[in-house]
Amino acid sequence: MPSLEEDLPDHAAEIRRALPDKGALQEAFADYETACRKEDALESSEVERAEWARIRQELLAELMRLSGRSTGS
């Protein structure tokens, strides 16, 4: 299963530090974790897993956006 550290190695620690204080970031991270699980679900079709991979990429962009805004970057 993909991890935040694999997907965003330069930003994972910053995002994890900001999680407790930012509700929107927490929600996006929870959605990211769901997408990771669904992408790896063996019972899903290739098409479904590909769609979850696309969603995971969108959520990574959202995590970056939210963490940048929350840290003043």
Protein backbone atom coordinates (compact mmCIF):
# COMPACT_ATOMS: atom_id res chain seq x y z
CA MET A 1 0.00 0.00 0.00
CA PRO A 2 1.37 3.44 -0.85
CA SER A 3 2.30 5.67 2.05
CA LEU A 4 2.52 9.41 2.46
CA GLU A 5 6.28 9.05 2.97
CA GLU A 6 6.60 7.28 -0.39
CA ASP A 7 4.27 9.63 -2.25
CA LEU A 8 5.53 12.91 -0.76
CA PRO A 9 8.92 12.20 0.81
CA ASP A 10 9.86 15.88 1.12
CA HIS A 11 6.56 16.92 2.70
CA ALA A 12 5.20 13.94 4.66
CA ALA A 13 6.64 15.02 8.02
CA GLU A 14 5.31 18.56 7.60
CA ILE A 15 1.85 17.27 6.71
CA ARG A 16 1.79 14.85 9.64
CA ARG A 17 2.82 17.64 12.04
CA ALA A 18 -0.04 19.85 10.79
CA LEU A 19 -2.71 17.10 10.99
CA PRO A 20 -3.79 17.54 14.64
CA ASP A 21 -4.58 21.23 14.18
CA LYS A 22 -6.30 21.26 10.79
CA GLY A 23 -9.68 19.63 10.31
CA ALA A 24 -9.67 19.95 6.53
CA LEU A 25 -6.22 18.41 6.36
CA GLN A 26 -7.38 15.53 8.59
CA GLU A 27 -10.32 14.88 6.28
CA ALA A 28 -8.14 14.93 3.16
CA PHE A 29 -5.65 12.59 4.84
CA ALA A 30 -8.43 10.16 5.81
CA ASP A 31 -9.64 10.20 2.20
CA TYR A 32 -6.07 9.62 1.01
CA GLU A 33 -5.75 6.57 3.28
CA THR A 34 -9.07 5.23 1.96
CA ALA A 35 -7.89 5.71 -1.63
CA CYS A 36 -4.66 3.85 -0.83
CA ARG A 37 -6.60 0.91 0.60
CA LYS A 38 -9.04 0.83 -2.32
CA GLU A 39 -6.21 1.05 -4.84
CA ASP A 40 -4.63 -2.05 -3.29
CA ALA A 41 -7.88 -4.03 -2.93
CA LEU A 42 -7.32 -7.29 -4.77
CA GLU A 43 -11.04 -7.90 -5.16
CA SER A 44 -11.37 -4.70 -7.24
CA SER A 45 -11.03 -4.67 -11.00
CA GLU A 46 -8.06 -3.05 -12.73
CA VAL A 47 -10.34 -0.20 -13.81
CA GLU A 48 -11.46 0.41 -10.21
CA ARG A 49 -7.90 0.31 -8.92
CA ALA A 50 -6.79 2.72 -11.64
CA GLU A 51 -9.58 5.11 -10.67
CA TRP A 52 -8.53 4.95 -7.01
CA ALA A 53 -4.93 5.63 -8.07
CA ARG A 54 -6.13 8.75 -9.89
CA ILE A 55 -8.13 9.83 -6.84
CA ARG A 56 -5.07 9.25 -4.64
CA GLN A 57 -3.06 11.60 -6.86
CA GLU A 58 -5.75 14.27 -6.58
CA LEU A 59 -5.74 13.89 -2.79
CA LEU A 60 -1.97 14.26 -2.70
CA ALA A 61 -2.35 17.59 -4.49
CA GLU A 62 -5.04 18.58 -1.98
CA LEU A 63 -2.81 17.59 0.96
CA MET A 64 -0.02 19.74 -0.46
CA ARG A 65 -2.37 22.65 -0.97
CA LEU A 66 -3.84 22.38 2.51
CA SER A 67 -0.49 21.93 4.23
CA GLY A 68 0.96 24.88 2.37
CA ARG A 69 -1.90 27.07 3.42
CA SER A 70 -1.81 25.83 7.01
CA THR A 71 1.94 26.39 7.41
CA GLY A 72 2.05 29.75 5.67
CA SER A 73 4.19 28.44 2.79
